[in-house]
Amino acid sequence: MNEIFIFILSTMGALFILLAAIGVVRMPDLYLRISVTTKAATLGIGLILGAAAIYFGDTAITSRVMAIILFMLLTAPVGAHMIGRASYFTGVKMWLDSQYDDLKDQYDPKTHKLSSEEKPEDKKI
C-alpha cells in the first residue's frame, strides 16, 4: 500500500515540476514566470519530499522532510516577491496584456521611493 502512495506522490510531484518548467518557457513575462515557478515547483518539491518520507519511514527523515517543506513554503514566496519587486523597480516591462499594475504612479524611479498614498480614483466613498 505504501508503494502506491509513494508512486502517486512522486508522480504528481514530477508532473508539477514539469508544469513549472513548461510555464517558465511559455509565460510571456518575468512576473508570470515567477508566479508559475513559485507555486508549481514548491508544490512539486513538497510532494516528492512527502514520497521520500513515506519511503524511508524513519522519524528522523520525516522530521527533516517536514522542516524542508516548511522552509520551502516560507522562503519561496518571499524570494519570488523580492525578485519581482526588484525587477519592477529596475524597469523590467510587464506583458502588454497585463490587466493590473498596482504600483503604477506610486514609484518614483529618481528617488526610489514608493508612495502608499491612495489615488483619488481608488478612494472609497
PDB file of N, CA and C in Angstrom:
ATOM      1  N   MET A   1       0.822  -1.201   0.000  1.00  0.00           N
ATOM      2  CA  MET A   1       0.000   0.000   0.000  1.00  0.00           C
ATOM      3  C   MET A   1       0.868   1.270   0.000  1.00  0.00           C
ATOM      4  N   ASN A   2       1.985   1.224   0.754  1.00  0.00           N
ATOM      5  CA  ASN A   2       2.884   2.380   0.764  1.00  0.00           C
ATOM      6  C   ASN A   2       3.462   2.666  -0.608  1.00  0.00           C
ATOM      7  N   GLU A   3       3.707   1.595  -1.374  1.00  0.00           N
ATOM      8  CA  GLU A   3       4.277   1.796  -2.710  1.00  0.00           C
ATOM      9  C   GLU A   3       3.332   2.594  -3.599  1.00  0.00           C
ATOM     10  N   ILE A   4       2.039   2.391  -3.419  1.00  0.00           N
ATOM     11  CA  ILE A   4       1.050   3.138  -4.210  1.00  0.00           C
ATOM     12  C   ILE A   4       1.101   4.616  -3.849  1.00  0.00           C
ATOM     13  N   PHE A   5       1.155   4.926  -2.540  1.00  0.00           N
ATOM     14  CA  PHE A   5       1.244   6.331  -2.122  1.00  0.00           C
ATOM     15  C   PHE A   5       2.536   6.972  -2.600  1.00  0.00           C
ATOM     16  N   ILE A   6       3.623   6.229  -2.515  1.00  0.00           N
ATOM     17  CA  ILE A   6       4.913   6.746  -2.982  1.00  0.00           C
ATOM     18  C   ILE A   6       4.857   7.029  -4.480  1.00  0.00           C
ATOM     19  N   PHE A   7       4.276   6.100  -5.230  1.00  0.00           N
ATOM     20  CA  PHE A   7       4.162   6.273  -6.678  1.00  0.00           C
ATOM     21  C   PHE A   7       3.300   7.489  -7.019  1.00  0.00           C
ATOM     22  N   ILE A   8       2.158   7.608  -6.350  1.00  0.00           N
ATOM     23  CA  ILE A   8       1.243   8.724  -6.632  1.00  0.00           C
ATOM     24  C   ILE A   8       1.888  10.054  -6.270  1.00  0.00           C
ATOM     25  N   LEU A   9       2.486  10.151  -5.078  1.00  0.00           N
ATOM     26  CA  LEU A   9       3.092  11.412  -4.656  1.00  0.00           C
ATOM     27  C   LEU A   9       4.282  11.805  -5.531  1.00  0.00           C
ATOM     28  N   SER A  10       5.144  10.843  -5.837  1.00  0.00           N
ATOM     29  CA  SER A  10       6.310  11.184  -6.656  1.00  0.00           C
ATOM     30  C   SER A  10       5.915  11.527  -8.090  1.00  0.00           C
ATOM     31  N   THR A  11       4.916  10.829  -8.633  1.00  0.00           N
ATOM     32  CA  THR A  11       4.451  11.139  -9.987  1.00  0.00           C
ATOM     33  C   THR A  11       3.797  12.514 -10.038  1.00  0.00           C
ATOM     34  N   MET A  12       2.950  12.814  -9.053  1.00  0.00           N
ATOM     35  CA  MET A  12       2.310  14.143  -9.018  1.00  0.00           C
ATOM     36  C   MET A  12       3.360  15.241  -8.827  1.00  0.00           C
ATOM     37  N   GLY A  13       4.352  14.983  -7.976  1.00  0.00           N
ATOM     38  CA  GLY A  13       5.422  15.963  -7.787  1.00  0.00           C
ATOM     39  C   GLY A  13       6.200  16.215  -9.064  1.00  0.00           C
ATOM     40  N   ALA A  14       6.518  15.135  -9.778  1.00  0.00           N
ATOM     41  CA  ALA A  14       7.239  15.287 -11.045  1.00  0.00           C
ATOM     42  C   ALA A  14       6.395  16.030 -12.075  1.00  0.00           C
ATOM     43  N   LEU A  15       5.090  15.778 -12.087  1.00  0.00           N
ATOM     44  CA  LEU A  15       4.213  16.484 -13.027  1.00  0.00           C
ATOM     45  C   LEU A  15       4.129  17.975 -12.713  1.00  0.00           C
ATOM     46  N   PHE A  16       4.054  18.319 -11.423  1.00  0.00           N
ATOM     47  CA  PHE A  16       4.010  19.739 -11.069  1.00  0.00           C
ATOM     48  C   PHE A  16       5.326  20.435 -11.408  1.00  0.00           C
ATOM     49  N   ILE A  17       6.436  19.757 -11.217  1.00  0.00           N
ATOM     50  CA  ILE A  17       7.725  20.346 -11.593  1.00  0.00           C
ATOM     51  C   ILE A  17       7.821  20.491 -13.111  1.00  0.00           C
ATOM     52  N   LEU A  18       7.292  19.515 -13.844  1.00  0.00           N
ATOM     53  CA  LEU A  18       7.244  19.624 -15.304  1.00  0.00           C
ATOM     54  C   LEU A  18       6.376  20.805 -15.732  1.00  0.00           C
ATOM     55  N   LEU A  19       5.226  20.980 -15.072  1.00  0.00           N
ATOM     56  CA  LEU A  19       4.369  22.130 -15.386  1.00  0.00           C
ATOM     57  C   LEU A  19       5.075  23.448 -15.083  1.00  0.00           C
ATOM     58  N   ALA A  20       5.852  23.490 -14.009  1.00  0.00           N
ATOM     59  CA  ALA A  20       6.620  24.702 -13.697  1.00  0.00           C
ATOM     60  C   ALA A  20       7.650  24.980 -14.785  1.00  0.00           C
ATOM     61  N   ALA A  21       8.308  23.933 -15.273  1.00  0.00           N
ATOM     62  CA  ALA A  21       9.298  24.108 -16.336  1.00  0.00           C
ATOM     63  C   ALA A  21       8.640  24.580 -17.635  1.00  0.00           C
ATOM     64  N   ILE A  22       7.483  24.005 -17.958  1.00  0.00           N
ATOM     65  CA  ILE A  22       6.753  24.441 -19.153  1.00  0.00           C
ATOM     66  C   ILE A  22       6.295  25.881 -18.987  1.00  0.00           C
ATOM     67  N   GLY A  23       5.852  26.232 -17.779  1.00  0.00           N
ATOM     68  CA  GLY A  23       5.408  27.597 -17.511  1.00  0.00           C
ATOM     69  C   GLY A  23       6.511  28.614 -17.661  1.00  0.00           C
ATOM     70  N   VAL A  24       7.724  28.255 -17.286  1.00  0.00           N
ATOM     71  CA  VAL A  24       8.857  29.167 -17.444  1.00  0.00           C
ATOM     72  C   VAL A  24       9.092  29.458 -18.921  1.00  0.00           C
ATOM     73  N   VAL A  25       8.916  28.453 -19.754  1.00  0.00           N
ATOM     74  CA  VAL A  25       9.126  28.631 -21.182  1.00  0.00           C
ATOM     75  C   VAL A  25       7.961  29.368 -21.837  1.00  0.00           C
ATOM     76  N   ARG A  26       6.743  29.089 -21.403  1.00  0.00           N
ATOM     77  CA  ARG A  26       5.557  29.591 -22.090  1.00  0.00           C
ATOM     78  C   ARG A  26       5.060  30.962 -21.618  1.00  0.00           C
ATOM     79  N   MET A  27       5.328  31.343 -20.400  1.00  0.00           N
ATOM     80  CA  MET A  27       4.796  32.613 -19.887  1.00  0.00           C
ATOM     81  C   MET A  27       5.483  33.797 -20.552  1.00  0.00           C
ATOM     82  N   PRO A  28       4.737  34.868 -20.815  1.00  0.00           N
ATOM     83  CA  PRO A  28       5.267  35.966 -21.630  1.00  0.00           C
ATOM     84  C   PRO A  28       6.178  36.946 -20.903  1.00  0.00           C
ATOM     85  N   ASP A  29       6.116  37.034 -19.582  1.00  0.00           N
ATOM     86  CA  ASP A  29       6.989  37.993 -18.912  1.00  0.00           C
ATOM     87  C   ASP A  29       7.526  37.428 -17.599  1.00  0.00           C
ATOM     88  N   LEU A  30       8.454  38.140 -17.040  1.00  0.00           N
ATOM     89  CA  LEU A  30       9.148  37.694 -15.835  1.00  0.00           C
ATOM     90  C   LEU A  30       8.191  37.481 -14.667  1.00  0.00           C
ATOM     91  N   TYR A  31       7.229  38.354 -14.514  1.00  0.00           N
ATOM     92  CA  TYR A  31       6.336  38.304 -13.358  1.00  0.00           C
ATOM     93  C   TYR A  31       5.462  37.047 -13.372  1.00  0.00           C
ATOM     94  N   LEU A  32       4.978  36.670 -14.534  1.00  0.00           N
ATOM     95  CA  LEU A  32       4.188  35.444 -14.635  1.00  0.00           C
ATOM     96  C   LEU A  32       5.070  34.208 -14.475  1.00  0.00           C
ATOM     97  N   ARG A  33       6.296  34.283 -14.945  1.00  0.00           N
ATOM     98  CA  ARG A  33       7.217  33.151 -14.778  1.00  0.00           C
ATOM     99  C   ARG A  33       7.527  32.926 -13.293  1.00  0.00           C
ATOM    100  N   ILE A  34       7.713  34.004 -12.559  1.00  0.00           N
ATOM    101  CA  ILE A  34       7.964  33.882 -11.123  1.00  0.00           C
ATOM    102  C   ILE A  34       6.766  33.246 -10.440  1.00  0.00           C
ATOM    103  N   SER A  35       5.579  33.650 -10.814  1.00  0.00           N
ATOM    104  CA  SER A  35       4.363  33.105 -10.210  1.00  0.00           C
ATOM    105  C   SER A  35       4.250  31.606 -10.448  1.00  0.00           C
ATOM    106  N   VAL A  36       4.498  31.196 -11.679  1.00  0.00           N
ATOM    107  CA  VAL A  36       4.398  29.773 -12.021  1.00  0.00           C
ATOM    108  C   VAL A  36       5.413  28.943 -11.253  1.00  0.00           C
ATOM    109  N   THR A  37       6.650  29.394 -11.239  1.00  0.00           N
ATOM    110  CA  THR A  37       7.673  28.587 -10.580  1.00  0.00           C
ATOM    111  C   THR A  37       7.482  28.556  -9.076  1.00  0.00           C
ATOM    112  N   THR A  38       7.040  29.635  -8.495  1.00  0.00           N
ATOM    113  CA  THR A  38       6.851  29.645  -7.051  1.00  0.00           C
ATOM    114  C   THR A  38       5.773  28.656  -6.628  1.00  0.00           C
ATOM    115  N   LYS A  39       4.665  28.663  -7.327  1.00  0.00           N
ATOM    116  CA  LYS A  39       3.548  27.799  -6.924  1.00  0.00           C
ATOM    117  C   LYS A  39       3.764  26.339  -7.317  1.00  0.00           C
ATOM    118  N   ALA A  40       4.004  26.100  -8.581  1.00  0.00           N
ATOM    119  CA  ALA A  40       4.064  24.721  -9.072  1.00  0.00           C
ATOM    120  C   ALA A  40       5.315  23.987  -8.593  1.00  0.00           C
ATOM    121  N   ALA A  41       6.449  24.639  -8.624  1.00  0.00           N
ATOM    122  CA  ALA A  41       7.673  23.958  -8.208  1.00  0.00           C
ATOM    123  C   ALA A  41       7.673  23.686  -6.712  1.00  0.00           C
ATOM    124  N   THR A  42       7.162  24.608  -5.906  1.00  0.00           N
ATOM    125  CA  THR A  42       7.092  24.382  -4.470  1.00  0.00           C
ATOM    126  C   THR A  42       6.177  23.215  -4.150  1.00  0.00           C
ATOM    127  N   LEU A  43       5.044  23.135  -4.811  1.00  0.00           N
ATOM    128  CA  LEU A  43       4.144  22.009  -4.596  1.00  0.00           C
ATOM    129  C   LEU A  43       4.784  20.708  -5.072  1.00  0.00           C
ATOM    130  N   GLY A  44       5.450  20.730  -6.214  1.00  0.00           N
ATOM    131  CA  GLY A  44       6.114  19.531  -6.724  1.00  0.00           C
ATOM    132  C   GLY A  44       7.202  19.033  -5.797  1.00  0.00           C
ATOM    133  N   ILE A  45       8.005  19.946  -5.273  1.00  0.00           N
ATOM    134  CA  ILE A  45       9.063  19.554  -4.342  1.00  0.00           C
ATOM    135  C   ILE A  45       8.453  18.979  -3.067  1.00  0.00           C
ATOM    136  N   GLY A  46       7.380  19.592  -2.592  1.00  0.00           N
ATOM    137  CA  GLY A  46       6.720  19.084  -1.392  1.00  0.00           C
ATOM    138  C   GLY A  46       6.171  17.688  -1.570  1.00  0.00           C
ATOM    139  N   LEU A  47       5.593  17.425  -2.731  1.00  0.00           N
ATOM    140  CA  LEU A  47       5.054  16.088  -2.991  1.00  0.00           C
ATOM    141  C   LEU A  47       6.166  15.039  -3.094  1.00  0.00           C
ATOM    142  N   ILE A  48       7.253  15.378  -3.750  1.00  0.00           N
ATOM    143  CA  ILE A  48       8.369  14.431  -3.858  1.00  0.00           C
ATOM    144  C   ILE A  48       8.998  14.180  -2.490  1.00  0.00           C
ATOM    145  N   LEU A  49       9.126  15.222  -1.687  1.00  0.00           N
ATOM    146  CA  LEU A  49       9.655  15.030  -0.342  1.00  0.00           C
ATOM    147  C   LEU A  49       8.708  14.197   0.522  1.00  0.00           C
ATOM    148  N   GLY A  50       7.400  14.386   0.328  1.00  0.00           N
ATOM    149  CA  GLY A  50       6.436  13.543   1.037  1.00  0.00           C
ATOM    150  C   GLY A  50       6.580  12.081   0.661  1.00  0.00           C
ATOM    151  N   ALA A  51       6.823  11.827  -0.617  1.00  0.00           N
ATOM    152  CA  ALA A  51       7.050  10.446  -1.063  1.00  0.00           C
ATOM    153  C   ALA A  51       8.322   9.879  -0.432  1.00  0.00           C
ATOM    154  N   ALA A  52       9.349  10.703  -0.311  1.00  0.00           N
ATOM    155  CA  ALA A  52      10.590  10.242   0.323  1.00  0.00           C
ATOM    156  C   ALA A  52      10.362   9.925   1.797  1.00  0.00           C
ATOM    157  N   ALA A  53       9.561  10.735   2.480  1.00  0.00           N
ATOM    158  CA  ALA A  53       9.275  10.481   3.891  1.00  0.00           C
ATOM    159  C   ALA A  53       8.542   9.157   4.068  1.00  0.00           C
ATOM    160  N   ILE A  54       7.594   8.874   3.190  1.00  0.00           N
ATOM    161  CA  ILE A  54       6.866   7.604   3.272  1.00  0.00           C
ATOM    162  C   ILE A  54       7.786   6.441   2.932  1.00  0.00           C
ATOM    163  N   TYR A  55       8.644   6.630   1.935  1.00  0.00           N
ATOM    164  CA  TYR A  55       9.540   5.556   1.514  1.00  0.00           C
ATOM    165  C   TYR A  55      10.481   5.139   2.640  1.00  0.00           C
ATOM    166  N   PHE A  56      11.110   6.113   3.274  1.00  0.00           N
ATOM    167  CA  PHE A  56      12.079   5.768   4.313  1.00  0.00           C
ATOM    168  C   PHE A  56      11.400   5.405   5.630  1.00  0.00           C
ATOM    169  N   GLY A  57      10.274   6.032   5.945  1.00  0.00           N
ATOM    170  CA  GLY A  57       9.512   5.669   7.128  1.00  0.00           C
ATOM    171  C   GLY A  57      10.233   5.854   8.447  1.00  0.00           C
ATOM    172  N   ASP A  58      11.257   6.659   8.469  1.00  0.00           N
ATOM    173  CA  ASP A  58      12.028   6.908   9.677  1.00  0.00           C
ATOM    174  C   ASP A  58      11.619   8.260  10.257  1.00  0.00           C
ATOM    175  N   THR A  59      11.521   8.332  11.579  1.00  0.00           N
ATOM    176  CA  THR A  59      11.105   9.570  12.225  1.00  0.00           C
ATOM    177  C   THR A  59      12.094  10.698  11.966  1.00  0.00           C
ATOM    178  N   ALA A  60      13.370  10.400  11.970  1.00  0.00           N
ATOM    179  CA  ALA A  60      14.389  11.431  11.741  1.00  0.00           C
ATOM    180  C   ALA A  60      14.272  11.995  10.327  1.00  0.00           C
ATOM    181  N   ILE A  61      14.076  11.143   9.355  1.00  0.00           N
ATOM    182  CA  ILE A  61      13.959  11.601   7.969  1.00  0.00           C
ATOM    183  C   ILE A  61      12.649  12.346   7.771  1.00  0.00           C
ATOM    184  N   THR A  62      11.572  11.852   8.363  1.00  0.00           N
ATOM    185  CA  THR A  62      10.277  12.520   8.238  1.00  0.00           C
ATOM    186  C   THR A  62      10.325  13.917   8.851  1.00  0.00           C
ATOM    187  N   SER A  63      10.982  14.066   9.991  1.00  0.00           N
ATOM    188  CA  SER A  63      11.080  15.396  10.600  1.00  0.00           C
ATOM    189  C   SER A  63      11.923  16.330   9.735  1.00  0.00           C
ATOM    190  N   ARG A  64      12.965  15.812   9.125  1.00  0.00           N
ATOM    191  CA  ARG A  64      13.769  16.638   8.214  1.00  0.00           C
ATOM    192  C   ARG A  64      12.966  17.042   6.982  1.00  0.00           C
ATOM    193  N   VAL A  65      12.187  16.094   6.460  1.00  0.00           N
ATOM    194  CA  VAL A  65      11.344  16.400   5.299  1.00  0.00           C
ATOM    195  C   VAL A  65      10.340  17.491   5.648  1.00  0.00           C
ATOM    196  N   MET A  66       9.716  17.385   6.811  1.00  0.00           N
ATOM    197  CA  MET A  66       8.753  18.411   7.226  1.00  0.00           C
ATOM    198  C   MET A  66       9.429  19.770   7.404  1.00  0.00           C
ATOM    199  N   ALA A  67      10.652  19.773   7.928  1.00  0.00           N
ATOM    200  CA  ALA A  67      11.391  21.027   8.080  1.00  0.00           C
ATOM    201  C   ALA A  67      11.719  21.635   6.716  1.00  0.00           C
ATOM    202  N   ILE A  68      12.111  20.790   5.767  1.00  0.00           N
ATOM    203  CA  ILE A  68      12.423  21.287   4.426  1.00  0.00           C
ATOM    204  C   ILE A  68      11.174  21.841   3.750  1.00  0.00           C
ATOM    205  N   ILE A  69      10.057  21.133   3.880  1.00  0.00           N
ATOM    206  CA  ILE A  69       8.800  21.608   3.282  1.00  0.00           C
ATOM    207  C   ILE A  69       8.382  22.937   3.906  1.00  0.00           C
ATOM    208  N   LEU A  70       8.467  23.058   5.223  1.00  0.00           N
ATOM    209  CA  LEU A  70       8.139  24.313   5.894  1.00  0.00           C
ATOM    210  C   LEU A  70       9.061  25.431   5.422  1.00  0.00           C
ATOM    211  N   PHE A  71      10.352  25.130   5.317  1.00  0.00           N
ATOM    212  CA  PHE A  71      11.307  26.128   4.847  1.00  0.00           C
ATOM    213  C   PHE A  71      10.974  26.576   3.427  1.00  0.00           C
ATOM    214  N   MET A  72      10.637  25.638   2.567  1.00  0.00           N
ATOM    215  CA  MET A  72      10.266  25.980   1.182  1.00  0.00           C
ATOM    216  C   MET A  72       9.002  26.835   1.144  1.00  0.00           C
ATOM    217  N   LEU A  73       8.008  26.480   1.943  1.00  0.00           N
ATOM    218  CA  LEU A  73       6.755  27.237   1.953  1.00  0.00           C
ATOM    219  C   LEU A  73       6.939  28.655   2.498  1.00  0.00           C
ATOM    220  N   LEU A  74       7.928  28.835   3.364  1.00  0.00           N
ATOM    221  CA  LEU A  74       8.184  30.164   3.915  1.00  0.00           C
ATOM    222  C   LEU A  74       9.088  31.013   3.030  1.00  0.00           C
ATOM    223  N   THR A  75      10.067  30.407   2.385  1.00  0.00           N
ATOM    224  CA  THR A  75      11.058  31.200   1.660  1.00  0.00           C
ATOM    225  C   THR A  75      10.752  31.415   0.185  1.00  0.00           C
ATOM    226  N   ALA A  76      10.100  30.468  -0.463  1.00  0.00           N
ATOM    227  CA  ALA A  76       9.846  30.612  -1.906  1.00  0.00           C
ATOM    228  C   ALA A  76       8.973  31.835  -2.222  1.00  0.00           C
ATOM    229  N   PRO A  77       7.856  32.061  -1.529  1.00  0.00           N
ATOM    230  CA  PRO A  77       7.066  33.256  -1.846  1.00  0.00           C
ATOM    231  C   PRO A  77       7.794  34.563  -1.531  1.00  0.00           C
ATOM    232  N   VAL A  78       8.559  34.570  -0.456  1.00  0.00           N
ATOM    233  CA  VAL A  78       9.297  35.788  -0.099  1.00  0.00           C
ATOM    234  C   VAL A  78      10.371  36.086  -1.145  1.00  0.00           C
ATOM    235  N   GLY A  79      11.094  35.054  -1.556  1.00  0.00           N
ATOM    236  CA  GLY A  79      12.103  35.237  -2.585  1.00  0.00           C
ATOM    237  C   GLY A  79      11.510  35.697  -3.907  1.00  0.00           C
ATOM    238  N   ALA A  80      10.395  35.102  -4.291  1.00  0.00           N
ATOM    239  CA  ALA A  80       9.733  35.497  -5.538  1.00  0.00           C
ATOM    240  C   ALA A  80       9.235  36.935  -5.463  1.00  0.00           C
ATOM    241  N   HIS A  81       8.712  37.315  -4.305  1.00  0.00           N
ATOM    242  CA  HIS A  81       8.238  38.689  -4.135  1.00  0.00           C
ATOM    243  C   HIS A  81       9.397  39.679  -4.258  1.00  0.00           C
ATOM    244  N   MET A  82      10.519  39.360  -3.652  1.00  0.00           N
ATOM    245  CA  MET A  82      11.661  40.271  -3.704  1.00  0.00           C
ATOM    246  C   MET A  82      12.238  40.365  -5.113  1.00  0.00           C
ATOM    247  N   ILE A  83      12.292  39.255  -5.827  1.00  0.00           N
ATOM    248  CA  ILE A  83      12.769  39.287  -7.218  1.00  0.00           C
ATOM    249  C   ILE A  83      11.815  40.105  -8.081  1.00  0.00           C
ATOM    250  N   GLY A  84      10.516  39.895  -7.921  1.00  0.00           N
ATOM    251  CA  GLY A  84       9.529  40.654  -8.682  1.00  0.00           C
ATOM    252  C   GLY A  84       9.576  42.139  -8.372  1.00  0.00           C
ATOM    253  N   ARG A  85       9.728  42.467  -7.104  1.00  0.00           N
ATOM    254  CA  ARG A  85       9.794  43.867  -6.698  1.00  0.00           C
ATOM    255  C   ARG A  85      11.045  44.544  -7.265  1.00  0.00           C
ATOM    256  N   ALA A  86      12.183  43.873  -7.165  1.00  0.00           N
ATOM    257  CA  ALA A  86      13.418  44.436  -7.711  1.00  0.00           C
ATOM    258  C   ALA A  86      13.328  44.575  -9.227  1.00  0.00           C
ATOM    259  N   SER A  87      12.687  43.603  -9.878  1.00  0.00           N
ATOM    260  CA  SER A  87      12.527  43.675 -11.336  1.00  0.00           C
ATOM    261  C   SER A  87      11.654  44.853 -11.725  1.00  0.00           C
ATOM    262  N   TYR A  88      10.572  45.058 -10.994  1.00  0.00           N
ATOM    263  CA  TYR A  88       9.668  46.175 -11.302  1.00  0.00           C
ATOM    264  C   TYR A  88      10.394  47.508 -11.120  1.00  0.00           C
ATOM    265  N   PHE A  89      11.135  47.620 -10.033  1.00  0.00           N
ATOM    266  CA  PHE A  89      11.799  48.892  -9.733  1.00  0.00           C
ATOM    267  C   PHE A  89      12.989  49.165 -10.645  1.00  0.00           C
ATOM    268  N   THR A  90      13.554  48.121 -11.252  1.00  0.00           N
ATOM    269  CA  THR A  90      14.646  48.358 -12.194  1.00  0.00           C
ATOM    270  C   THR A  90      14.149  48.545 -13.623  1.00  0.00           C
ATOM    271  N   GLY A  91      12.843  48.423 -13.829  1.00  0.00           N
ATOM    272  CA  GLY A  91      12.277  48.747 -15.131  1.00  0.00           C
ATOM    273  C   GLY A  91      11.977  47.587 -16.043  1.00  0.00           C
ATOM    274  N   VAL A  92      11.913  46.370 -15.527  1.00  0.00           N
ATOM    275  CA  VAL A  92      11.539  45.230 -16.366  1.00  0.00           C
ATOM    276  C   VAL A  92      10.082  45.404 -16.774  1.00  0.00           C
ATOM    277  N   LYS A  93       9.828  45.382 -18.062  1.00  0.00           N
ATOM    278  CA  LYS A  93       8.492  45.658 -18.582  1.00  0.00           C
ATOM    279  C   LYS A  93       7.530  44.511 -18.314  1.00  0.00           C
ATOM    280  N   MET A  94       6.286  44.875 -18.060  1.00  0.00           N
ATOM    281  CA  MET A  94       5.222  43.892 -17.894  1.00  0.00           C
ATOM    282  C   MET A  94       4.703  43.485 -19.270  1.00  0.00           C
ATOM    283  N   TRP A  95       4.015  42.380 -19.318  1.00  0.00           N
ATOM    284  CA  TRP A  95       3.372  41.895 -20.526  1.00  0.00           C
ATOM    285  C   TRP A  95       2.351  42.933 -20.975  1.00  0.00           C
ATOM    286  N   LEU A  96       2.231  43.144 -22.263  1.00  0.00           N
ATOM    287  CA  LEU A  96       1.337  44.175 -22.781  1.00  0.00           C
ATOM    288  C   LEU A  96      -0.132  43.919 -22.444  1.00  0.00           C
ATOM    289  N   ASP A  97      -0.532  42.663 -22.295  1.00  0.00           N
ATOM    290  CA  ASP A  97      -1.917  42.344 -21.969  1.00  0.00           C
ATOM    291  C   ASP A  97      -2.174  42.237 -20.472  1.00  0.00           C
ATOM    292  N   SER A  98      -1.249  42.694 -19.643  1.00  0.00           N
ATOM    293  CA  SER A  98      -1.462  42.664 -18.194  1.00  0.00           C
ATOM    294  C   SER A  98      -2.634  43.569 -17.832  1.00  0.00           C
ATOM    295  N   GLN A  99      -3.457  43.103 -16.926  1.00  0.00           N
ATOM    296  CA  GLN A  99      -4.661  43.838 -16.553  1.00  0.00           C
ATOM    297  C   GLN A  99      -4.413  44.842 -15.426  1.00  0.00           C
ATOM    298  N   TYR A 100      -3.523  44.522 -14.494  1.00  0.00           N
ATOM    299  CA  TYR A 100      -3.326  45.354 -13.312  1.00  0.00           C
ATOM    300  C   TYR A 100      -1.867  45.729 -13.150  1.00  0.00           C
ATOM    301  N   ASP A 101      -1.648  46.950 -12.720  1.00  0.00           N
ATOM    302  CA  ASP A 101      -0.335  47.423 -12.306  1.00  0.00           C
ATOM    303  C   ASP A 101      -0.563  48.252 -11.052  1.00  0.00           C
ATOM    304  N   ASP A 102      -0.548  47.584  -9.912  1.00  0.00           N
ATOM    305  CA  ASP A 102      -0.871  48.235  -8.649  1.00  0.00           C
ATOM    306  C   ASP A 102       0.138  49.298  -8.239  1.00  0.00           C
ATOM    307  N   LEU A 103       1.350  49.238  -8.743  1.00  0.00           N
ATOM    308  CA  LEU A 103       2.374  50.200  -8.362  1.00  0.00           C
ATOM    309  C   LEU A 103       2.514  51.365  -9.333  1.00  0.00           C
ATOM    310  N   LYS A 104       1.706  51.361 -10.373  1.00  0.00           N
ATOM    311  CA  LYS A 104       1.796  52.434 -11.358  1.00  0.00           C
ATOM    312  C   LYS A 104       1.518  53.783 -10.685  1.00  0.00           C
ATOM    313  N   ASP A 105       2.344  54.747 -10.994  1.00  0.00           N
ATOM    314  CA  ASP A 105       2.252  56.117 -10.459  1.00  0.00           C
ATOM    315  C   ASP A 105       2.488  56.184  -8.951  1.00  0.00           C
ATOM    316  N   GLN A 106       3.011  55.124  -8.337  1.00  0.00           N
ATOM    317  CA  GLN A 106       3.327  55.173  -6.913  1.00  0.00           C
ATOM    318  C   GLN A 106       4.825  55.042  -6.662  1.00  0.00           C
ATOM    319  N   TYR A 107       5.592  54.725  -7.701  1.00  0.00           N
ATOM    320  CA  TYR A 107       7.034  54.566  -7.546  1.00  0.00           C
ATOM    321  C   TYR A 107       7.757  55.671  -8.293  1.00  0.00           C
ATOM    322  N   ASP A 108       8.680  56.334  -7.607  1.00  0.00           N
ATOM    323  CA  ASP A 108       9.485  57.379  -8.217  1.00  0.00           C
ATOM    324  C   ASP A 108      10.872  56.808  -8.524  1.00  0.00           C
ATOM    325  N   PRO A 109      11.192  56.576  -9.805  1.00  0.00           N
ATOM    326  CA  PRO A 109      12.478  55.962 -10.143  1.00  0.00           C
ATOM    327  C   PRO A 109      13.690  56.843  -9.824  1.00  0.00           C
ATOM    328  N   LYS A 110      13.481  58.151  -9.700  1.00  0.00           N
ATOM    329  CA  LYS A 110      14.606  59.028  -9.400  1.00  0.00           C
ATOM    330  C   LYS A 110      15.026  58.920  -7.936  1.00  0.00           C
ATOM    331  N   THR A 111      14.059  58.889  -7.041  1.00  0.00           N
ATOM    332  CA  THR A 111      14.367  58.825  -5.613  1.00  0.00           C
ATOM    333  C   THR A 111      14.253  57.412  -5.048  1.00  0.00           C
ATOM    334  N   HIS A 112      13.715  56.498  -5.824  1.00  0.00           N
ATOM    335  CA  HIS A 112      13.482  55.111  -5.401  1.00  0.00           C
ATOM    336  C   HIS A 112      12.553  55.033  -4.193  1.00  0.00           C
ATOM    337  N   LYS A 113      11.590  55.942  -4.151  1.00  0.00           N
ATOM    338  CA  LYS A 113      10.610  55.943  -3.063  1.00  0.00           C
ATOM    339  C   LYS A 113       9.299  55.372  -3.575  1.00  0.00           C
ATOM    340  N   LEU A 114       8.651  54.629  -2.709  1.00  0.00           N
ATOM    341  CA  LEU A 114       7.351  54.050  -3.021  1.00  0.00           C
ATOM    342  C   LEU A 114       6.313  54.749  -2.180  1.00  0.00           C
ATOM    343  N   SER A 115       5.353  55.357  -2.847  1.00  0.00           N
ATOM    344  CA  SER A 115       4.292  56.067  -2.155  1.00  0.00           C
ATOM    345  C   SER A 115       3.149  55.116  -1.871  1.00  0.00           C
ATOM    346  N   SER A 116       2.611  55.184  -0.678  1.00  0.00           N
ATOM    347  CA  SER A 116       1.473  54.330  -0.336  1.00  0.00           C
ATOM    348  C   SER A 116       0.176  55.123  -0.280  1.00  0.00           C
ATOM    349  N   GLU A 117       0.207  56.342  -0.784  1.00  0.00           N
ATOM    350  CA  GLU A 117      -0.992  57.165  -0.786  1.00  0.00           C
ATOM    351  C   GLU A 117      -1.993  56.639  -1.796  1.00  0.00           C
ATOM    352  N   GLU A 118      -3.263  56.709  -1.419  1.00  0.00           N
ATOM    353  CA  GLU A 118      -4.308  56.287  -2.341  1.00  0.00           C
ATOM    354  C   GLU A 118      -4.506  57.329  -3.424  1.00  0.00           C
ATOM    355  N   LYS A 119      -4.724  56.865  -4.613  1.00  0.00           N
ATOM    356  CA  LYS A 119      -5.050  57.764  -5.707  1.00  0.00           C
ATOM    357  C   LYS A 119      -6.511  58.185  -5.547  1.00  0.00           C
ATOM    358  N   PRO A 120      -6.888  59.353  -6.035  1.00  0.00           N
ATOM    359  CA  PRO A 120      -8.283  59.800  -5.847  1.00  0.00           C
ATOM    360  C   PRO A 120      -9.309  58.817  -6.400  1.00  0.00           C
ATOM    361  N   GLU A 121      -9.000  58.130  -7.512  1.00  0.00           N
ATOM    362  CA  GLU A 121      -9.975  57.202  -8.078  1.00  0.00           C
ATOM    363  C   GLU A 121     -10.059  55.901  -7.283  1.00  0.00           C
ATOM    364  N   ASP A 122      -9.064  55.646  -6.407  1.00  0.00           N
ATOM    365  CA  ASP A 122      -9.076  54.436  -5.599  1.00  0.00           C
ATOM    366  C   ASP A 122      -9.814  54.621  -4.279  1.00  0.00           C
ATOM    367  N   LYS A 123     -10.077  55.858  -3.898  1.00  0.00           N
ATOM    368  CA  LYS A 123     -10.715  56.112  -2.606  1.00  0.00           C
ATOM    369  C   LYS A 123     -12.152  55.587  -2.618  1.00  0.00           C
ATOM    370  N   LYS A 124     -12.517  55.023  -1.505  1.00  0.00           N
ATOM    371  CA  LYS A 124     -13.890  54.509  -1.367  1.00  0.00           C
ATOM    372  C   LYS A 124     -14.799  55.602  -0.833  1.00  0.00           C
ATOM    373  N   ILE A 125     -15.983  55.630  -1.349  1.00  0.00           N
ATOM    374  CA  ILE A 125     -16.944  56.664  -0.925  1.00  0.00           C
ATOM    375  C   ILE A 125     -17.798  56.135   0.205  1.00  0.00           C
TER     376      ILE A 125
END
